Amino acid sequence: MANVKILIVEDERIVAKGIEKSLKKLDYIVIGSVASGEEAVRKAAETQPDLILMDVRLRGNLDGIEAAEQIRANFDIPVIYLTAYADENTLQRAKLTEPFGYIVKPFDERDLHAAIEVALRRRLSEVAIRVALQKEKELSELKSRFWSMVAHEFRNPMTSILSSAQLLERHNRELPEERRREYLYVIQRSVEAMDQLLNDVLALGKAEGGRLEFRPAPLDLESFCWGLIEELQFTTSSDHHIVFVSQGQCVDVCLDANLLRHILSNLLSNAIKYSPRGGNVYLELSCPNEEAVFQVRDTGIGIPPADQLHMFEAFHRAENVGRIPGTGLGLTMVQKCLELHRGQISVNSELGAGTVFTVKLPLNRDLLVANQPLSH
């Protein structure tokens, strides 16, 4: 293995020189040679070698096994023992330090090389297993937290539905028409919230599971944006107006319409949701430098600086949203779609003054050329 750094711990100078010569011949990097256990611990801390060749019998108060125990506990550096003493007591003491090898002197260069390579391979395997276990643990914790949050988010609208339904059942006859309409409206909005949450969770699960695909195709961006705006104006409050401005030049582009719909609909819906009634929400489109640039701007409540650091995390909602409904999954989905599209997003927000999200997506014009039919 290239660039492997090895520390030699050997109190016999001639033997140490011979080991150093063999290691250099085998293309290993010798970062030092020390003669005592105390020096071994100090040198290991300073240089952080990939492997230590440790003689069992050493000068000083620490023998090789005691030094190896300290090094393993403090620095987690693998050790191979080199010793002329193979008695049972020494072997048992050495085993407790979990060494990566044990070579009995005298040994030849091939034995040394084989022991080092086996130790290094074992080390790589252990590191890989440790990383995999840590990732599995983090994923398990994330899944647990995710479903806990999903259950919590479902509980709120379900409670509203149950309470409203019970009130209608018990007091329907004496309730005035206006109050009955209020309860029915609460039920309707709660069902819509649950439906939105379910859709968001399914979409995010699809993205996390690698089932959300990037399928770019020829797209008329202006027509796409007008169509999306018409849909949003129909499904959201009529108190808001979406102003669309296009700089033109967005022809012959190749984007994934499904991913783009997720990105823009989430950003525009948030802009509407967190803007004052009667206000405008702006969508601007331009295509400079072989990329589509979308800006979604509002004059709403803004995002606190501390929340901007976590706004793409699942279920995270800014501290100033109050009772404005939302799942906290929209921006997470936006990020997943951007990753597949190899796009970028930035935000500029000021409390009480509004927010601007800027999205940049590569136009993939080369895919258009590649997919054009051959002329005859």
Protein backbone atom coordinates (compact mmCIF):
# COMPACT_ATOMS: atom_id res chain seq x y z
CA MET A 1 0.00 0.00 0.00
CA ALA A 2 1.34 3.40 -0.95
CA ASN A 3 2.24 6.14 1.54
CA VAL A 4 1.93 3.89 4.60
CA LYS A 5 3.65 5.48 7.60
CA ILE A 6 5.27 3.06 10.07
CA LEU A 7 6.85 3.70 13.48
CA ILE A 8 9.57 1.31 14.67
CA VAL A 9 9.85 0.65 18.42
CA GLU A 10 13.00 -1.42 19.01
CA ASP A 11 15.70 -1.05 21.69
CA GLU A 12 18.40 -2.93 19.76
CA ARG A 13 19.86 -0.35 17.41
CA ILE A 14 21.24 -2.81 14.84
CA VAL A 15 17.92 -4.66 14.65
CA ALA A 16 16.04 -1.34 14.28
CA LYS A 17 18.34 -0.28 11.42
CA GLY A 18 17.76 -3.59 9.68
CA ILE A 19 13.97 -3.26 9.98
CA GLU A 20 14.12 0.31 8.70
CA LYS A 21 16.16 -0.77 5.70
CA SER A 22 13.70 -3.55 4.87
CA LEU A 23 10.69 -1.24 5.21
CA LYS A 24 12.16 1.37 2.89
CA LYS A 25 13.00 -1.36 0.39
CA LEU A 26 9.33 -2.39 0.50
CA ASP A 27 8.29 1.25 -0.18
CA TYR A 28 6.92 1.98 3.27
CA ILE A 29 7.54 5.34 4.95
CA VAL A 30 9.48 5.09 8.22
CA ILE A 31 8.51 8.11 10.33
CA GLY A 32 10.80 7.26 13.24
CA SER A 33 12.57 4.68 15.36
CA VAL A 34 12.46 4.81 19.18
CA ALA A 35 13.84 2.54 21.90
CA SER A 36 11.42 2.87 24.86
CA GLY A 37 7.72 2.54 25.60
CA GLU A 38 7.47 6.14 26.79
CA GLU A 39 9.04 7.39 23.53
CA ALA A 40 6.67 5.15 21.55
CA VAL A 41 3.59 6.70 23.16
CA ARG A 42 4.93 10.22 22.65
CA LYS A 43 5.96 9.60 19.04
CA ALA A 44 2.62 7.97 18.23
CA ALA A 45 0.81 11.06 19.53
CA GLU A 46 3.02 13.39 17.49
CA THR A 47 3.11 11.54 14.17
CA GLN A 48 -0.09 9.41 14.09
CA PRO A 49 1.45 6.53 12.08
CA ASP A 50 -0.64 4.00 10.16
CA LEU A 51 1.10 1.10 11.89
CA ILE A 52 3.58 0.46 14.73
CA LEU A 53 6.13 -2.35 14.85
CA MET A 54 6.59 -2.89 18.58
CA ASP A 55 9.26 -4.91 20.37
CA VAL A 56 7.90 -6.47 23.58
CA ARG A 57 11.01 -5.98 25.74
CA LEU A 58 11.99 -2.30 25.87
CA ARG A 59 14.00 0.11 27.95
CA GLY A 60 12.25 2.35 30.48
CA ASN A 61 9.27 1.81 32.75
CA LEU A 62 6.87 0.74 29.99
CA ASP A 63 7.43 -2.49 28.11
CA GLY A 64 6.07 -2.93 24.59
CA ILE A 65 2.77 -4.46 25.70
CA GLU A 66 2.02 -1.65 28.16
CA ALA A 67 2.95 0.96 25.55
CA ALA A 68 0.73 -0.77 22.97
CA GLU A 69 -2.20 -0.74 25.42
CA GLN A 70 -1.88 3.03 25.91
CA ILE A 71 -1.53 3.62 22.18
CA ARG A 72 -4.59 1.50 21.39
CA ALA A 73 -6.70 3.24 24.03
CA ASN A 74 -5.65 6.79 23.18
CA PHE A 75 -4.91 6.78 19.44
CA ASP A 76 -6.41 3.57 18.01
CA ILE A 77 -3.27 2.79 16.00
CA PRO A 78 -2.69 -0.85 15.00
CA VAL A 79 0.36 -2.62 16.46
CA ILE A 80 2.40 -5.64 15.32
CA TYR A 81 4.61 -7.17 17.98
CA LEU A 82 8.22 -8.10 17.19
CA THR A 83 9.83 -10.28 19.83
CA ALA A 84 12.14 -13.17 20.55
CA TYR A 85 9.98 -14.13 23.54
CA ALA A 86 7.05 -16.40 22.65
CA ASP A 87 6.29 -17.83 26.10
CA GLU A 88 2.66 -18.37 27.12
CA ASN A 89 2.55 -15.50 29.64
CA THR A 90 3.84 -13.00 27.08
CA LEU A 91 1.35 -14.24 24.48
CA GLN A 92 -1.58 -13.90 26.89
CA ARG A 93 -0.58 -10.35 27.87
CA ALA A 94 -0.16 -9.43 24.20
CA LYS A 95 -3.60 -10.82 23.25
CA LEU A 96 -5.31 -8.45 25.68
CA THR A 97 -4.08 -5.46 23.65
CA GLU A 98 -5.71 -6.84 20.46
CA PRO A 99 -2.59 -6.69 18.26
CA PHE A 100 -2.74 -6.84 14.47
CA GLY A 101 0.13 -9.33 14.26
CA TYR A 102 2.87 -11.14 16.17
CA ILE A 103 6.23 -11.93 14.55
CA VAL A 104 8.84 -13.99 16.39
CA LYS A 105 12.48 -13.00 15.86
CA PRO A 106 14.43 -13.76 13.80
CA PHE A 107 12.21 -13.11 10.78
CA ASP A 108 12.93 -12.46 7.12
CA GLU A 109 11.73 -9.67 4.87
CA ARG A 110 8.90 -11.74 3.38
CA ASP A 111 7.45 -12.50 6.82
CA LEU A 112 7.61 -8.82 7.72
CA HIS A 113 5.96 -7.74 4.46
CA ALA A 114 3.18 -10.32 4.76
CA ALA A 115 2.43 -9.37 8.38
CA ILE A 116 2.25 -5.66 7.54
CA GLU A 117 -0.01 -6.16 4.53
CA VAL A 118 -2.38 -8.42 6.48
CA ALA A 119 -2.50 -5.88 9.32
CA LEU A 120 -3.22 -3.00 6.94
CA ARG A 121 -5.96 -4.94 5.15
CA ARG A 122 -7.54 -5.82 8.47
CA ARG A 123 -7.36 -2.18 9.50
CA LEU A 124 -9.13 -1.05 6.32
CA SER A 125 -11.83 -3.67 6.85
CA GLU A 126 -12.37 -2.60 10.46
CA VAL A 127 -12.63 1.06 9.48
CA ALA A 128 -15.11 0.22 6.70
CA ILE A 129 -17.22 -1.85 9.08
CA ARG A 130 -17.10 0.89 11.71
CA VAL A 131 -18.21 3.52 9.19
CA ALA A 132 -21.00 1.26 7.92
CA LEU A 133 -22.24 0.58 11.45
CA GLN A 134 -22.18 4.29 12.29
CA LYS A 135 -24.12 5.12 9.12
CA GLU A 136 -26.62 2.37 9.90
CA LYS A 137 -27.05 3.74 13.42
CA GLU A 138 -27.53 7.29 12.13
CA LEU A 139 -30.01 6.08 9.50
CA SER A 140 -31.95 4.13 12.11
CA GLU A 141 -32.09 7.16 14.40
CA LEU A 142 -33.12 9.38 11.48
CA LYS A 143 -35.90 6.99 10.45
CA SER A 144 -37.14 6.78 14.03
CA ARG A 145 -37.17 10.56 14.36
CA PHE A 146 -38.75 10.94 10.92
CA TRP A 147 -41.70 8.65 11.65
CA SER A 148 -42.12 10.13 15.09
CA MET A 149 -42.46 13.54 13.46
CA VAL A 150 -44.85 12.17 10.82
CA ALA A 151 -47.06 10.73 13.57
CA HIS A 152 -46.97 14.05 15.41
CA GLU A 153 -47.86 16.01 12.28
CA PHE A 154 -50.78 13.66 11.52
CA ARG A 155 -52.06 13.86 15.08
CA ASN A 156 -52.82 17.59 14.97
CA PRO A 157 -55.25 17.58 11.98
CA MET A 158 -56.78 14.29 13.16
CA THR A 159 -57.49 15.87 16.54
CA SER A 160 -59.12 18.85 14.81
CA ILE A 161 -61.27 16.55 12.66
CA LEU A 162 -62.36 14.45 15.64
CA SER A 163 -63.18 17.46 17.82
CA SER A 164 -65.17 19.21 15.06
CA ALA A 165 -67.05 16.02 14.18
CA GLN A 166 -67.95 15.37 17.83
CA LEU A 167 -69.23 18.92 18.28
CA LEU A 168 -71.33 18.64 15.14
CA GLU A 169 -72.75 15.30 16.31
CA ARG A 170 -73.63 16.48 19.83
CA HIS A 171 -74.79 20.03 19.17
CA ASN A 172 -75.78 20.07 15.51
CA ARG A 173 -79.40 21.16 16.08
CA GLU A 174 -78.66 24.11 18.36
CA LEU A 175 -75.60 25.32 16.43
CA PRO A 176 -76.15 28.33 14.17
CA GLU A 177 -75.46 27.78 10.46
CA GLU A 178 -72.33 29.93 10.58
CA ARG A 179 -70.80 27.83 13.38
CA ARG A 180 -71.61 24.59 11.57
CA ARG A 181 -69.85 25.94 8.50
CA GLU A 182 -66.81 26.80 10.62
CA TYR A 183 -66.56 23.24 11.93
CA LEU A 184 -66.99 21.80 8.45
CA TYR A 185 -64.29 24.18 7.20
CA VAL A 186 -61.93 22.97 9.96
CA ILE A 187 -62.55 19.36 8.90
CA GLN A 188 -61.97 20.22 5.24
CA ARG A 189 -58.73 22.10 5.92
CA SER A 190 -57.48 19.32 8.22
CA VAL A 191 -58.11 16.67 5.56
CA GLU A 192 -56.28 18.84 3.01
CA ALA A 193 -53.35 19.21 5.43
CA MET A 194 -53.19 15.43 5.96
CA ASP A 195 -53.36 14.84 2.22
CA GLN A 196 -50.52 17.31 1.64
CA LEU A 197 -48.43 15.72 4.40
CA LEU A 198 -49.03 12.25 2.97
CA ASN A 199 -48.04 13.41 -0.52
CA ASP A 200 -44.90 15.10 0.83
CA VAL A 201 -43.89 12.03 2.84
CA LEU A 202 -44.42 9.70 -0.14
CA ALA A 203 -42.48 12.01 -2.47
CA LEU A 204 -39.62 12.34 0.02
CA GLY A 205 -39.59 8.58 0.60
CA LYS A 206 -39.36 8.07 -3.14
CA ALA A 207 -36.42 10.47 -3.30
CA GLU A 208 -34.65 8.92 -0.31
CA GLY A 209 -35.13 5.43 -1.76
CA GLY A 210 -33.50 6.42 -5.04
CA ARG A 211 -36.76 5.99 -6.98
CA LEU A 212 -36.96 9.62 -8.01
CA GLU A 213 -35.35 9.73 -11.44
CA PHE A 214 -33.84 12.51 -13.53
CA ARG A 215 -35.47 12.41 -16.96
CA PRO A 216 -34.69 15.60 -18.88
CA ALA A 217 -36.74 16.36 -21.98
CA PRO A 218 -37.28 19.39 -24.26
CA LEU A 219 -39.21 22.02 -22.35
CA ASP A 220 -40.68 25.42 -23.12
CA LEU A 221 -39.86 27.16 -19.84
CA GLU A 222 -42.15 30.14 -20.28
CA SER A 223 -45.17 27.97 -21.07
CA PHE A 224 -44.29 25.67 -18.19
CA CYS A 225 -44.12 28.57 -15.73
CA TRP A 226 -47.41 30.08 -16.94
CA GLY A 227 -49.13 26.71 -16.56
CA LEU A 228 -47.76 26.19 -13.05
CA ILE A 229 -48.80 29.70 -12.00
CA GLU A 230 -52.33 29.11 -13.31
CA GLU A 231 -52.58 25.91 -11.26
CA LEU A 232 -51.30 27.59 -8.09
CA GLN A 233 -53.59 30.61 -8.50
CA PHE A 234 -56.53 28.22 -8.79
CA THR A 235 -55.65 26.04 -5.79
CA THR A 236 -54.37 28.73 -3.38
CA SER A 237 -55.90 31.83 -1.91
CA SER A 238 -57.11 34.38 -4.43
CA ASP A 239 -55.81 37.08 -2.07
CA HIS A 240 -52.33 36.61 -3.56
CA HIS A 241 -51.20 37.37 -7.07
CA ILE A 242 -48.19 35.70 -8.72
CA VAL A 243 -46.28 38.08 -10.98
CA PHE A 244 -44.24 36.29 -13.65
CA VAL A 245 -41.38 38.07 -15.43
CA SER A 246 -39.32 36.34 -18.14
CA GLN A 247 -36.16 37.72 -19.69
CA GLY A 248 -36.62 35.48 -22.73
CA GLN A 249 -33.70 33.52 -24.22
CA CYS A 250 -35.00 30.32 -22.58
CA VAL A 251 -35.39 28.27 -25.74
CA ASP A 252 -33.95 24.88 -26.66
CA VAL A 253 -33.66 23.76 -23.06
CA CYS A 254 -33.70 20.24 -21.66
CA LEU A 255 -34.97 19.92 -18.08
CA ASP A 256 -36.93 17.43 -16.01
CA ALA A 257 -40.46 18.86 -15.81
CA ASN A 258 -41.42 16.67 -12.84
CA LEU A 259 -38.45 17.76 -10.73
CA LEU A 260 -38.89 21.38 -11.79
CA ARG A 261 -42.55 21.26 -10.77
CA HIS A 262 -41.56 20.05 -7.28
CA ILE A 263 -38.97 22.81 -6.97
CA LEU A 264 -41.04 25.77 -8.14
CA SER A 265 -44.39 24.72 -6.67
CA ASN A 266 -42.86 24.32 -3.21
CA LEU A 267 -41.04 27.65 -3.37
CA LEU A 268 -44.06 29.52 -4.74
CA SER A 269 -46.44 27.87 -2.24
CA ASN A 270 -44.17 28.90 0.62
CA ALA A 271 -43.93 32.43 -0.74
CA ILE A 272 -47.73 32.67 -0.84
CA LYS A 273 -48.16 31.04 2.56
CA TYR A 274 -45.79 33.38 4.37
CA SER A 275 -46.79 36.60 2.59
CA PRO A 276 -49.45 39.06 3.80
CA ARG A 277 -52.89 38.79 2.19
CA GLY A 278 -53.27 40.91 -0.89
CA GLY A 279 -49.53 40.91 -1.53
CA ASN A 280 -47.68 39.92 -4.66
CA VAL A 281 -45.36 36.95 -5.13
CA TYR A 282 -42.81 37.21 -7.90
CA LEU A 283 -41.32 34.57 -10.19
CA GLU A 284 -38.52 35.71 -12.47
CA LEU A 285 -36.90 33.60 -15.21
CA SER A 286 -33.69 34.14 -17.16
CA CYS A 287 -31.26 31.87 -18.98
CA PRO A 288 -27.72 33.30 -18.97
CA ASN A 289 -24.55 31.22 -19.33
CA GLU A 290 -26.21 27.92 -20.27
CA GLU A 291 -28.33 27.74 -17.12
CA ALA A 292 -31.89 28.53 -16.14
CA VAL A 293 -32.12 30.98 -13.24
CA PHE A 294 -35.39 31.17 -11.30
CA GLN A 295 -36.00 33.74 -8.59
CA VAL A 296 -38.96 33.38 -6.25
CA ARG A 297 -39.48 36.55 -4.22
CA ASP A 298 -42.01 37.56 -1.58
CA THR A 299 -42.54 40.37 0.91
CA GLY A 300 -43.50 38.10 3.78
CA ILE A 301 -42.30 37.34 7.30
CA GLY A 302 -38.76 36.32 6.30
CA ILE A 303 -36.60 33.51 7.69
CA PRO A 304 -34.58 34.04 10.91
CA PRO A 305 -30.80 33.65 10.38
CA ALA A 306 -30.61 30.70 12.79
CA ASP A 307 -33.35 28.83 10.90
CA GLN A 308 -31.67 29.42 7.54
CA LEU A 309 -28.96 26.96 8.64
CA HIS A 310 -31.53 24.16 9.00
CA MET A 311 -34.24 25.05 6.49
CA PHE A 312 -33.57 22.01 4.26
CA GLU A 313 -33.87 19.53 7.14
CA ALA A 314 -37.01 17.39 7.21
CA PHE A 315 -39.81 18.82 9.39
CA HIS A 316 -37.80 21.88 10.37
CA ARG A 317 -39.94 25.01 10.49
CA ALA A 318 -38.81 28.53 11.32
CA GLU A 319 -39.54 29.81 14.80
CA ASN A 320 -41.59 32.74 13.47
CA VAL A 321 -44.18 30.77 11.44
CA GLY A 322 -46.66 30.81 14.31
CA ARG A 323 -49.84 28.90 13.43
CA ILE A 324 -49.30 29.06 9.67
CA PRO A 325 -49.87 25.44 8.51
CA GLY A 326 -47.06 23.46 6.91
CA THR A 327 -45.27 20.10 7.00
CA GLY A 328 -41.65 21.25 6.98
CA LEU A 329 -40.93 18.88 4.07
CA GLY A 330 -41.21 21.21 1.09
CA LEU A 331 -37.66 22.56 1.11
CA THR A 332 -36.27 19.09 1.84
CA MET A 333 -37.94 17.89 -1.35
CA VAL A 334 -36.62 20.93 -3.23
CA GLN A 335 -33.07 20.01 -2.23
CA LYS A 336 -33.52 16.38 -3.33
CA CYS A 337 -34.77 17.50 -6.75
CA LEU A 338 -31.90 19.97 -7.09
CA GLU A 339 -29.35 17.27 -6.31
CA LEU A 340 -30.71 15.08 -9.12
CA HIS A 341 -30.74 18.09 -11.44
CA ARG A 342 -27.21 19.12 -10.36
CA GLY A 343 -28.64 22.51 -9.55
CA GLN A 344 -27.95 25.11 -6.89
CA ILE A 345 -30.10 27.16 -4.55
CA SER A 346 -29.38 30.22 -2.45
CA VAL A 347 -31.51 32.34 -0.14
CA ASN A 348 -31.52 35.98 0.87
CA SER A 349 -34.00 36.77 3.61
CA GLU A 350 -34.73 39.60 6.02
CA LEU A 351 -37.19 39.38 8.89
CA GLY A 352 -40.37 41.29 8.11
CA ALA A 353 -39.14 42.25 4.64
CA GLY A 354 -39.40 39.00 2.67
CA THR A 355 -37.34 36.25 1.12
CA VAL A 356 -35.69 35.62 -2.23
CA PHE A 357 -34.82 32.07 -3.32
CA THR A 358 -32.54 31.79 -6.36
CA VAL A 359 -32.40 28.46 -8.20
CA LYS A 360 -29.89 27.68 -10.95
CA LEU A 361 -30.27 24.64 -13.20
CA PRO A 362 -28.07 23.52 -16.12
CA LEU A 363 -29.96 23.71 -19.41
CA ASN A 364 -28.56 20.40 -20.78
CA ARG A 365 -28.63 21.64 -24.38
CA ASP A 366 -26.12 18.91 -25.28
CA LEU A 367 -28.84 16.33 -24.53
CA LEU A 368 -31.12 18.02 -27.03
CA VAL A 369 -28.48 17.73 -29.73
CA ALA A 370 -27.81 14.09 -28.86
CA ASN A 371 -31.51 13.23 -29.08
CA GLN A 372 -32.19 14.96 -32.38
CA PRO A 373 -33.12 12.54 -35.21
CA LEU A 374 -30.59 12.12 -37.96
CA SER A 375 -31.44 13.94 -41.21
CA HIS A 376 -31.49 11.99 -44.46
